[in-house]
Amino acid sequence: MNSAVINGLRALLVLVLVGSVLGQVLVVLMAQANGADDPWFVGLEVPYSIAGIATIACVQAAVVAIWALLAMVASGRIYSGRALRWVDAIIWCGAIATGIVVATAANTWVIVGFHAPGVALGLVGSLVAGGTFVLLMLVMRGLLVAAIADRAELAEVI
Protein backbone atom coordinates (compact mmCIF):
# COMPACT_ATOMS: atom_id res chain seq x y z
CA MET A 1 0.00 0.00 0.00
CA ASN A 2 1.10 3.55 -0.67
CA SER A 3 3.09 4.89 2.29
CA ALA A 4 1.60 8.37 1.77
CA VAL A 5 -1.87 6.95 2.39
CA ILE A 6 -0.71 5.13 5.52
CA ASN A 7 1.10 8.19 6.86
CA GLY A 8 -1.88 10.41 6.07
CA LEU A 9 -4.20 8.07 7.94
CA ARG A 10 -1.79 7.92 10.87
CA ALA A 11 -1.77 11.73 11.05
CA LEU A 12 -5.56 11.79 11.06
CA LEU A 13 -5.68 9.09 13.73
CA VAL A 14 -3.44 11.24 15.93
CA LEU A 15 -5.90 14.10 15.46
CA VAL A 16 -8.77 11.79 16.39
CA LEU A 17 -6.95 10.76 19.58
CA VAL A 18 -6.19 14.37 20.54
CA GLY A 19 -9.77 15.39 19.78
CA SER A 20 -11.14 12.47 21.76
CA VAL A 21 -9.18 13.48 24.86
CA LEU A 22 -10.63 16.97 24.49
CA GLY A 23 -14.04 15.36 24.03
CA GLN A 24 -13.68 13.48 27.31
CA VAL A 25 -13.01 16.75 29.11
CA LEU A 26 -15.94 18.44 27.37
CA VAL A 27 -18.28 15.58 28.34
CA VAL A 28 -17.64 16.30 32.00
CA LEU A 29 -18.06 20.07 31.56
CA MET A 30 -21.29 19.63 29.60
CA ALA A 31 -22.69 17.20 32.18
CA GLN A 32 -21.94 19.70 34.94
CA ALA A 33 -23.59 22.52 32.99
CA ASN A 34 -26.67 20.44 32.21
CA GLY A 35 -26.96 19.30 35.82
CA ALA A 36 -26.82 22.90 37.01
CA ASP A 37 -29.24 24.28 34.41
CA ASP A 38 -31.76 21.50 33.89
CA PRO A 39 -33.72 19.86 36.73
CA TRP A 40 -34.14 16.71 34.62
CA PHE A 41 -30.44 15.92 34.92
CA VAL A 42 -29.70 16.77 38.55
CA GLY A 43 -27.78 13.84 40.02
CA LEU A 44 -26.98 12.34 36.63
CA GLU A 45 -23.84 14.34 36.01
CA VAL A 46 -21.47 11.65 37.26
CA PRO A 47 -23.06 8.56 35.65
CA TYR A 48 -23.55 10.35 32.33
CA SER A 49 -19.98 11.66 32.46
CA ILE A 50 -18.71 8.13 33.07
CA ALA A 51 -20.81 6.85 30.16
CA GLY A 52 -19.48 9.57 27.86
CA ILE A 53 -15.87 9.02 28.88
CA ALA A 54 -16.24 5.23 28.47
CA THR A 55 -17.80 5.63 25.02
CA ILE A 56 -14.95 7.85 23.90
CA ALA A 57 -12.46 5.39 25.43
CA CYS A 58 -13.95 2.74 23.14
CA VAL A 59 -13.24 5.01 20.17
CA GLN A 60 -9.68 5.49 21.43
CA ALA A 61 -9.16 1.74 21.77
CA ALA A 62 -10.49 1.23 18.23
CA VAL A 63 -8.03 3.86 16.95
CA VAL A 64 -5.17 1.96 18.60
CA ALA A 65 -6.37 -1.24 16.89
CA ILE A 66 -6.56 0.56 13.54
CA TRP A 67 -3.01 1.84 14.09
CA ALA A 68 -1.83 -1.73 14.71
CA LEU A 69 -3.58 -2.92 11.55
CA LEU A 70 -1.93 -0.11 9.59
CA ALA A 71 1.47 -1.26 10.84
CA MET A 72 0.62 -4.77 9.66
CA VAL A 73 -0.44 -3.45 6.25
CA ALA A 74 2.77 -1.42 5.94
CA SER A 75 4.91 -4.47 6.70
CA GLY A 76 2.86 -6.86 4.57
CA ARG A 77 1.76 -8.99 7.52
CA ILE A 78 -1.98 -8.21 7.37
CA TYR A 79 -2.94 -11.75 6.29
CA SER A 80 -2.61 -13.41 9.68
CA GLY A 81 -4.61 -14.47 12.68
CA ARG A 82 -3.08 -11.59 14.59
CA ALA A 83 -4.88 -9.15 12.29
CA LEU A 84 -8.16 -10.88 13.10
CA ARG A 85 -7.63 -10.18 16.79
CA TRP A 86 -7.27 -6.46 16.05
CA VAL A 87 -10.42 -6.52 13.92
CA ASP A 88 -12.22 -8.33 16.74
CA ALA A 89 -11.10 -5.56 19.10
CA ILE A 90 -12.62 -2.95 16.79
CA ILE A 91 -15.87 -4.92 16.64
CA TRP A 92 -16.03 -5.17 20.42
CA CYS A 93 -15.24 -1.46 20.81
CA GLY A 94 -18.09 -0.60 18.45
CA ALA A 95 -20.52 -2.92 20.19
CA ILE A 96 -19.64 -1.67 23.67
CA ALA A 97 -19.78 1.99 22.64
CA THR A 98 -23.16 1.43 20.98
CA GLY A 99 -24.44 -0.34 24.08
CA ILE A 100 -23.34 2.49 26.36
CA VAL A 101 -24.93 5.19 24.20
CA VAL A 102 -28.17 3.23 23.75
CA ALA A 103 -28.36 2.46 27.47
CA THR A 104 -27.78 6.11 28.36
CA ALA A 105 -30.42 7.34 25.91
CA ALA A 106 -32.87 4.67 27.06
CA ASN A 107 -32.24 5.67 30.67
CA THR A 108 -32.90 9.30 29.80
CA TRP A 109 -36.13 8.41 27.98
CA VAL A 110 -37.55 5.69 30.23
CA ILE A 111 -36.18 6.21 33.75
CA VAL A 112 -35.61 9.97 33.83
CA GLY A 113 -38.72 10.58 31.73
CA PHE A 114 -37.11 13.24 29.55
CA HIS A 115 -39.06 12.77 26.32
CA ALA A 116 -37.31 15.29 24.10
CA PRO A 117 -37.19 14.48 20.38
CA GLY A 118 -33.40 14.63 20.48
CA VAL A 119 -33.28 11.78 22.99
CA ALA A 120 -35.47 9.56 20.82
CA LEU A 121 -33.44 10.50 17.76
CA GLY A 122 -30.22 9.76 19.65
CA LEU A 123 -31.55 6.38 20.75
CA VAL A 124 -32.67 5.30 17.29
CA GLY A 125 -29.66 6.88 15.57
CA SER A 126 -27.25 5.15 17.93
CA LEU A 127 -28.90 1.80 17.34
CA VAL A 128 -28.81 2.22 13.57
CA ALA A 129 -25.32 3.75 13.29
CA GLY A 130 -23.71 1.48 15.88
CA GLY A 131 -25.41 -1.62 14.54
CA THR A 132 -24.41 -0.74 11.00
CA PHE A 133 -20.79 -0.20 12.03
CA VAL A 134 -20.58 -3.49 13.94
CA LEU A 135 -22.20 -5.47 11.13
CA LEU A 136 -19.95 -3.80 8.54
CA MET A 137 -16.89 -4.72 10.57
CA LEU A 138 -18.15 -8.32 10.82
CA VAL A 139 -18.41 -8.40 7.02
CA MET A 140 -14.91 -6.95 6.72
CA ARG A 141 -13.65 -9.58 9.15
CA GLY A 142 -15.21 -12.27 7.00
CA LEU A 143 -13.46 -10.84 3.95
CA LEU A 144 -10.14 -10.87 5.79
CA VAL A 145 -10.72 -14.50 6.85
CA ALA A 146 -11.38 -15.42 3.20
CA ALA A 147 -8.29 -13.50 2.05
CA ILE A 148 -6.14 -15.27 4.65
CA ALA A 149 -7.45 -18.66 3.49
CA ASP A 150 -6.91 -17.78 -0.17
CA ARG A 151 -3.39 -16.60 0.53
CA ALA A 152 -2.58 -19.79 2.44
CA GLU A 153 -4.00 -21.88 -0.41
CA LEU A 154 -1.95 -19.98 -2.97
CA ALA A 155 1.17 -20.41 -0.86
CA GLU A 156 0.63 -24.18 -0.93
CA VAL A 157 0.26 -24.16 -4.71
CA ILE A 158 3.38 -22.08 -5.26
C-alpha atoms as a PDB file:
ATOM      1  CA  MET A   1       0.000   0.000   0.000  1.00  0.00           C
ATOM      2  CA  ASN A   2       1.099   3.547  -0.674  1.00  0.00           C
ATOM      3  CA  SER A   3       3.088   4.892   2.292  1.00  0.00           C
ATOM      4  CA  ALA A   4       1.603   8.367   1.772  1.00  0.00           C
ATOM      5  CA  VAL A   5      -1.866   6.947   2.388  1.00  0.00           C
ATOM      6  CA  ILE A   6      -0.714   5.129   5.520  1.00  0.00           C
ATOM      7  CA  ASN A   7       1.104   8.192   6.858  1.00  0.00           C
ATOM      8  CA  GLY A   8      -1.884  10.413   6.073  1.00  0.00           C
ATOM      9  CA  LEU A   9      -4.204   8.068   7.938  1.00  0.00           C
ATOM     10  CA  ARG A  10      -1.794   7.923  10.872  1.00  0.00           C
ATOM     11  CA  ALA A  11      -1.766  11.733  11.046  1.00  0.00           C
ATOM     12  CA  LEU A  12      -5.562  11.791  11.056  1.00  0.00           C
ATOM     13  CA  LEU A  13      -5.683   9.089  13.732  1.00  0.00           C
ATOM     14  CA  VAL A  14      -3.437  11.236  15.934  1.00  0.00           C
ATOM     15  CA  LEU A  15      -5.899  14.103  15.459  1.00  0.00           C
ATOM     16  CA  VAL A  16      -8.770  11.789  16.386  1.00  0.00           C
ATOM     17  CA  LEU A  17      -6.953  10.763  19.576  1.00  0.00           C
ATOM     18  CA  VAL A  18      -6.193  14.366  20.536  1.00  0.00           C
ATOM     19  CA  GLY A  19      -9.770  15.388  19.777  1.00  0.00           C
ATOM     20  CA  SER A  20     -11.137  12.470  21.756  1.00  0.00           C
ATOM     21  CA  VAL A  21      -9.185  13.476  24.859  1.00  0.00           C
ATOM     22  CA  LEU A  22     -10.632  16.969  24.492  1.00  0.00           C
ATOM     23  CA  GLY A  23     -14.037  15.357  24.032  1.00  0.00           C
ATOM     24  CA  GLN A  24     -13.680  13.479  27.311  1.00  0.00           C
ATOM     25  CA  VAL A  25     -13.006  16.753  29.108  1.00  0.00           C
ATOM     26  CA  LEU A  26     -15.945  18.438  27.374  1.00  0.00           C
ATOM     27  CA  VAL A  27     -18.284  15.582  28.339  1.00  0.00           C
ATOM     28  CA  VAL A  28     -17.638  16.304  32.002  1.00  0.00           C
ATOM     29  CA  LEU A  29     -18.055  20.067  31.559  1.00  0.00           C
ATOM     30  CA  MET A  30     -21.290  19.630  29.602  1.00  0.00           C
ATOM     31  CA  ALA A  31     -22.689  17.204  32.179  1.00  0.00           C
ATOM     32  CA  GLN A  32     -21.944  19.702  34.944  1.00  0.00           C
ATOM     33  CA  ALA A  33     -23.591  22.520  32.992  1.00  0.00           C
ATOM     34  CA  ASN A  34     -26.674  20.436  32.207  1.00  0.00           C
ATOM     35  CA  GLY A  35     -26.961  19.299  35.816  1.00  0.00           C
ATOM     36  CA  ALA A  36     -26.820  22.902  37.008  1.00  0.00           C
ATOM     37  CA  ASP A  37     -29.241  24.279  34.412  1.00  0.00           C
ATOM     38  CA  ASP A  38     -31.762  21.497  33.889  1.00  0.00           C
ATOM     39  CA  PRO A  39     -33.718  19.861  36.729  1.00  0.00           C
ATOM     40  CA  TRP A  40     -34.139  16.713  34.624  1.00  0.00           C
ATOM     41  CA  PHE A  41     -30.438  15.923  34.922  1.00  0.00           C
ATOM     42  CA  VAL A  42     -29.695  16.770  38.550  1.00  0.00           C
ATOM     43  CA  GLY A  43     -27.783  13.839  40.017  1.00  0.00           C
ATOM     44  CA  LEU A  44     -26.984  12.339  36.632  1.00  0.00           C
ATOM     45  CA  GLU A  45     -23.839  14.341  36.013  1.00  0.00           C
ATOM     46  CA  VAL A  46     -21.469  11.650  37.265  1.00  0.00           C
ATOM     47  CA  PRO A  47     -23.060   8.563  35.654  1.00  0.00           C
ATOM     48  CA  TYR A  48     -23.549  10.353  32.331  1.00  0.00           C
ATOM     49  CA  SER A  49     -19.979  11.657  32.461  1.00  0.00           C
ATOM     50  CA  ILE A  50     -18.714   8.132  33.069  1.00  0.00           C
ATOM     51  CA  ALA A  51     -20.813   6.852  30.163  1.00  0.00           C
ATOM     52  CA  GLY A  52     -19.476   9.571  27.863  1.00  0.00           C
ATOM     53  CA  ILE A  53     -15.871   9.018  28.880  1.00  0.00           C
ATOM     54  CA  ALA A  54     -16.244   5.230  28.469  1.00  0.00           C
ATOM     55  CA  THR A  55     -17.795   5.630  25.023  1.00  0.00           C
ATOM     56  CA  ILE A  56     -14.945   7.855  23.898  1.00  0.00           C
ATOM     57  CA  ALA A  57     -12.461   5.394  25.427  1.00  0.00           C
ATOM     58  CA  CYS A  58     -13.950   2.736  23.139  1.00  0.00           C
ATOM     59  CA  VAL A  59     -13.235   5.009  20.172  1.00  0.00           C
ATOM     60  CA  GLN A  60      -9.683   5.493  21.428  1.00  0.00           C
ATOM     61  CA  ALA A  61      -9.157   1.740  21.769  1.00  0.00           C
ATOM     62  CA  ALA A  62     -10.487   1.231  18.228  1.00  0.00           C
ATOM     63  CA  VAL A  63      -8.031   3.856  16.948  1.00  0.00           C
ATOM     64  CA  VAL A  64      -5.171   1.956  18.599  1.00  0.00           C
ATOM     65  CA  ALA A  65      -6.371  -1.235  16.891  1.00  0.00           C
ATOM     66  CA  ILE A  66      -6.561   0.561  13.538  1.00  0.00           C
ATOM     67  CA  TRP A  67      -3.013   1.841  14.087  1.00  0.00           C
ATOM     68  CA  ALA A  68      -1.833  -1.725  14.706  1.00  0.00           C
ATOM     69  CA  LEU A  69      -3.582  -2.916  11.547  1.00  0.00           C
ATOM     70  CA  LEU A  70      -1.930  -0.107   9.588  1.00  0.00           C
ATOM     71  CA  ALA A  71       1.470  -1.260  10.839  1.00  0.00           C
ATOM     72  CA  MET A  72       0.619  -4.768   9.664  1.00  0.00           C
ATOM     73  CA  VAL A  73      -0.438  -3.452   6.248  1.00  0.00           C
ATOM     74  CA  ALA A  74       2.768  -1.423   5.938  1.00  0.00           C
ATOM     75  CA  SER A  75       4.908  -4.470   6.704  1.00  0.00           C
ATOM     76  CA  GLY A  76       2.864  -6.859   4.567  1.00  0.00           C
ATOM     77  CA  ARG A  77       1.755  -8.993   7.525  1.00  0.00           C
ATOM     78  CA  ILE A  78      -1.977  -8.215   7.369  1.00  0.00           C
ATOM     79  CA  TYR A  79      -2.942 -11.749   6.291  1.00  0.00           C
ATOM     80  CA  SER A  80      -2.607 -13.411   9.681  1.00  0.00           C
ATOM     81  CA  GLY A  81      -4.607 -14.475  12.680  1.00  0.00           C
ATOM     82  CA  ARG A  82      -3.080 -11.591  14.595  1.00  0.00           C
ATOM     83  CA  ALA A  83      -4.880  -9.149  12.292  1.00  0.00           C
ATOM     84  CA  LEU A  84      -8.160 -10.883  13.095  1.00  0.00           C
ATOM     85  CA  ARG A  85      -7.634 -10.178  16.790  1.00  0.00           C
ATOM     86  CA  TRP A  86      -7.275  -6.458  16.055  1.00  0.00           C
ATOM     87  CA  VAL A  87     -10.418  -6.523  13.917  1.00  0.00           C
ATOM     88  CA  ASP A  88     -12.215  -8.333  16.743  1.00  0.00           C
ATOM     89  CA  ALA A  89     -11.097  -5.562  19.097  1.00  0.00           C
ATOM     90  CA  ILE A  90     -12.615  -2.946  16.785  1.00  0.00           C
ATOM     91  CA  ILE A  91     -15.869  -4.918  16.637  1.00  0.00           C
ATOM     92  CA  TRP A  92     -16.026  -5.166  20.424  1.00  0.00           C
ATOM     93  CA  CYS A  93     -15.243  -1.464  20.806  1.00  0.00           C
ATOM     94  CA  GLY A  94     -18.089  -0.601  18.446  1.00  0.00           C
ATOM     95  CA  ALA A  95     -20.522  -2.922  20.185  1.00  0.00           C
ATOM     96  CA  ILE A  96     -19.643  -1.674  23.667  1.00  0.00           C
ATOM     97  CA  ALA A  97     -19.777   1.994  22.643  1.00  0.00           C
ATOM     98  CA  THR A  98     -23.156   1.433  20.976  1.00  0.00           C
ATOM     99  CA  GLY A  99     -24.439  -0.337  24.076  1.00  0.00           C
ATOM    100  CA  ILE A 100     -23.344   2.494  26.355  1.00  0.00           C
ATOM    101  CA  VAL A 101     -24.934   5.195  24.197  1.00  0.00           C
ATOM    102  CA  VAL A 102     -28.166   3.232  23.747  1.00  0.00           C
ATOM    103  CA  ALA A 103     -28.359   2.461  27.472  1.00  0.00           C
ATOM    104  CA  THR A 104     -27.779   6.108  28.364  1.00  0.00           C
ATOM    105  CA  ALA A 105     -30.415   7.345  25.910  1.00  0.00           C
ATOM    106  CA  ALA A 106     -32.871   4.670  27.059  1.00  0.00           C
ATOM    107  CA  ASN A 107     -32.242   5.665  30.673  1.00  0.00           C
ATOM    108  CA  THR A 108     -32.902   9.299  29.803  1.00  0.00           C
ATOM    109  CA  TRP A 109     -36.130   8.413  27.976  1.00  0.00           C
ATOM    110  CA  VAL A 110     -37.551   5.686  30.233  1.00  0.00           C
ATOM    111  CA  ILE A 111     -36.179   6.214  33.748  1.00  0.00           C
ATOM    112  CA  VAL A 112     -35.612   9.968  33.835  1.00  0.00           C
ATOM    113  CA  GLY A 113     -38.719  10.582  31.729  1.00  0.00           C
ATOM    114  CA  PHE A 114     -37.114  13.240  29.554  1.00  0.00           C
ATOM    115  CA  HIS A 115     -39.062  12.775  26.317  1.00  0.00           C
ATOM    116  CA  ALA A 116     -37.310  15.291  24.105  1.00  0.00           C
ATOM    117  CA  PRO A 117     -37.195  14.479  20.379  1.00  0.00           C
ATOM    118  CA  GLY A 118     -33.397  14.629  20.480  1.00  0.00           C
ATOM    119  CA  VAL A 119     -33.284  11.784  22.991  1.00  0.00           C
ATOM    120  CA  ALA A 120     -35.473   9.561  20.822  1.00  0.00           C
ATOM    121  CA  LEU A 121     -33.437  10.502  17.755  1.00  0.00           C
ATOM    122  CA  GLY A 122     -30.220   9.759  19.649  1.00  0.00           C
ATOM    123  CA  LEU A 123     -31.554   6.381  20.753  1.00  0.00           C
ATOM    124  CA  VAL A 124     -32.673   5.302  17.290  1.00  0.00           C
ATOM    125  CA  GLY A 125     -29.665   6.882  15.566  1.00  0.00           C
ATOM    126  CA  SER A 126     -27.253   5.150  17.926  1.00  0.00           C
ATOM    127  CA  LEU A 127     -28.897   1.798  17.338  1.00  0.00           C
ATOM    128  CA  VAL A 128     -28.806   2.225  13.566  1.00  0.00           C
ATOM    129  CA  ALA A 129     -25.316   3.749  13.288  1.00  0.00           C
ATOM    130  CA  GLY A 130     -23.711   1.480  15.882  1.00  0.00           C
ATOM    131  CA  GLY A 131     -25.415  -1.624  14.545  1.00  0.00           C
ATOM    132  CA  THR A 132     -24.406  -0.741  10.997  1.00  0.00           C
ATOM    133  CA  PHE A 133     -20.786  -0.205  12.032  1.00  0.00           C
ATOM    134  CA  VAL A 134     -20.575  -3.491  13.942  1.00  0.00           C
ATOM    135  CA  LEU A 135     -22.196  -5.470  11.129  1.00  0.00           C
ATOM    136  CA  LEU A 136     -19.953  -3.805   8.542  1.00  0.00           C
ATOM    137  CA  MET A 137     -16.892  -4.719  10.575  1.00  0.00           C
ATOM    138  CA  LEU A 138     -18.150  -8.317  10.821  1.00  0.00           C
ATOM    139  CA  VAL A 139     -18.413  -8.405   7.019  1.00  0.00           C
ATOM    140  CA  MET A 140     -14.906  -6.950   6.719  1.00  0.00           C
ATOM    141  CA  ARG A 141     -13.650  -9.577   9.154  1.00  0.00           C
ATOM    142  CA  GLY A 142     -15.210 -12.273   6.999  1.00  0.00           C
ATOM    143  CA  LEU A 143     -13.463 -10.844   3.950  1.00  0.00           C
ATOM    144  CA  LEU A 144     -10.141 -10.873   5.791  1.00  0.00           C
ATOM    145  CA  VAL A 145     -10.715 -14.495   6.846  1.00  0.00           C
ATOM    146  CA  ALA A 146     -11.380 -15.415   3.203  1.00  0.00           C
ATOM    147  CA  ALA A 147      -8.288 -13.503   2.051  1.00  0.00           C
ATOM    148  CA  ILE A 148      -6.137 -15.267   4.645  1.00  0.00           C
ATOM    149  CA  ALA A 149      -7.447 -18.665   3.494  1.00  0.00           C
ATOM    150  CA  ASP A 150      -6.906 -17.777  -0.174  1.00  0.00           C
ATOM    151  CA  ARG A 151      -3.390 -16.597   0.532  1.00  0.00           C
ATOM    152  CA  ALA A 152      -2.578 -19.791   2.440  1.00  0.00           C
ATOM    153  CA  GLU A 153      -3.998 -21.881  -0.411  1.00  0.00           C
ATOM    154  CA  LEU A 154      -1.951 -19.981  -2.972  1.00  0.00           C
ATOM    155  CA  ALA A 155       1.173 -20.409  -0.861  1.00  0.00           C
ATOM    156  CA  GLU A 156       0.633 -24.182  -0.932  1.00  0.00           C
ATOM    157  CA  VAL A 157       0.264 -24.163  -4.709  1.00  0.00           C
ATOM    158  CA  ILE A 158       3.380 -22.079  -5.258  1.00  0.00           C
END
